[in-house]
Amino acid sequence: MNDMNEMPGMENTGGSEESGSATPSAGAGAESGEMAYCVKCRKKTAMVETQKVTMKNGRPALSGKCGVCGTGMYKILSQKA
C-alpha cells in the first residue's frame, strides 16, 4: 500500500508544484512572460532569461530557457512585432 500511495502522490504533487512554482517566477523573469513549446517537457511553458534576437532572414525571434527544465527554447515571432 505504501508504494501505491507514494507513486500517485509523487506524480501529481511533483508535477503540479513544479509547474505552479515555475510559472510565477518565469513570468517575473521573462520580459513579457512568453509561453513557448518545450520539446523536452512536451508542453507549453514560460520562457525565462528571454532575449529578443533577429534571425539571418530578418525575422524577429525570442531566445530563452524553459522555466521548468532549463532546456534552450526558441520562439519565432511575427514580423509585425
Protein backbone atom coordinates (compact mmCIF):
# COMPACT_ATOMS: atom_id res chain seq x y z
CA MET A 1 0.00 0.00 0.00
CA ASN A 2 2.82 2.42 0.66
CA ASP A 3 4.08 2.02 -2.90
CA MET A 4 0.65 2.77 -4.31
CA ASN A 5 0.24 5.82 -2.10
CA GLU A 6 3.67 7.20 -2.91
CA MET A 7 3.58 6.87 -6.69
CA PRO A 8 0.38 8.82 -7.39
CA GLY A 9 1.35 11.41 -4.81
CA MET A 10 4.74 11.89 -6.38
CA GLU A 11 3.39 12.19 -9.92
CA ASN A 12 0.54 14.56 -9.15
CA THR A 13 2.20 16.63 -6.45
CA GLY A 14 5.63 16.87 -8.08
CA GLY A 15 4.31 17.96 -11.46
CA SER A 16 1.78 20.40 -10.08
CA GLU A 17 4.12 22.02 -7.62
CA GLU A 18 6.94 22.40 -10.11
CA SER A 19 4.66 23.87 -12.75
CA GLY A 20 2.95 26.14 -10.26
CA SER A 21 6.16 27.44 -8.76
CA ALA A 22 7.94 27.81 -12.12
CA THR A 23 5.19 29.79 -13.81
CA PRO A 24 5.12 32.82 -11.46
CA SER A 25 8.91 33.08 -11.26
CA ALA A 26 9.17 32.61 -15.04
CA GLY A 27 6.66 35.38 -15.59
CA ALA A 28 8.66 37.68 -13.36
CA GLY A 29 11.97 36.74 -15.01
CA ALA A 30 10.75 36.91 -18.59
CA GLU A 31 10.29 40.27 -20.26
CA SER A 32 6.71 39.60 -21.30
CA GLY A 33 6.04 36.15 -19.80
CA GLU A 34 6.17 34.50 -23.21
CA MET A 35 4.87 30.96 -23.46
CA ALA A 36 6.58 28.57 -25.87
CA TYR A 37 6.60 24.82 -26.53
CA CYS A 38 9.36 22.89 -24.75
CA VAL A 39 10.33 19.74 -26.64
CA LYS A 40 11.75 18.12 -23.51
CA CYS A 41 8.70 18.79 -21.28
CA ARG A 42 6.33 18.21 -24.24
CA LYS A 43 4.10 21.13 -23.25
CA LYS A 44 3.93 24.91 -23.37
CA THR A 45 5.92 26.52 -20.58
CA ALA A 46 7.01 30.03 -19.70
CA MET A 47 10.35 31.16 -21.07
CA VAL A 48 12.92 32.65 -18.70
CA GLU A 49 16.03 34.68 -19.48
CA THR A 50 14.50 35.77 -22.78
CA GLN A 51 16.43 37.73 -25.32
CA LYS A 52 14.99 39.29 -28.45
CA VAL A 53 17.10 38.29 -31.45
CA THR A 54 16.92 38.71 -35.21
CA MET A 55 17.45 35.68 -37.43
CA LYS A 56 19.57 35.76 -40.61
CA ASN A 57 16.48 36.24 -42.76
CA GLY A 58 15.46 39.31 -40.74
CA ARG A 59 12.58 37.76 -38.76
CA PRO A 60 12.40 38.56 -35.05
CA ALA A 61 12.58 35.74 -32.51
CA LEU A 62 12.86 35.14 -28.77
CA SER A 63 15.64 33.02 -27.36
CA GLY A 64 15.47 31.76 -23.78
CA LYS A 65 15.25 28.81 -21.44
CA CYS A 66 12.38 26.63 -20.23
CA GLY A 67 11.20 27.72 -16.79
CA VAL A 68 10.69 24.10 -15.72
CA CYS A 69 13.66 22.09 -17.04
CA GLY A 70 16.11 24.74 -18.29
CA THR A 71 16.30 23.49 -21.89
CA GLY A 72 17.08 26.12 -24.53
CA MET A 73 13.97 27.41 -26.31
CA TYR A 74 13.45 29.48 -29.44
CA LYS A 75 10.21 31.17 -30.50
CA ILE A 76 9.80 32.77 -33.91
CA LEU A 77 7.75 35.95 -33.72
CA SER A 78 5.58 37.63 -36.33
CA GLN A 79 7.24 40.32 -38.41
CA LYS A 80 4.75 42.86 -37.03
CA ALA A 81 6.27 42.57 -33.53
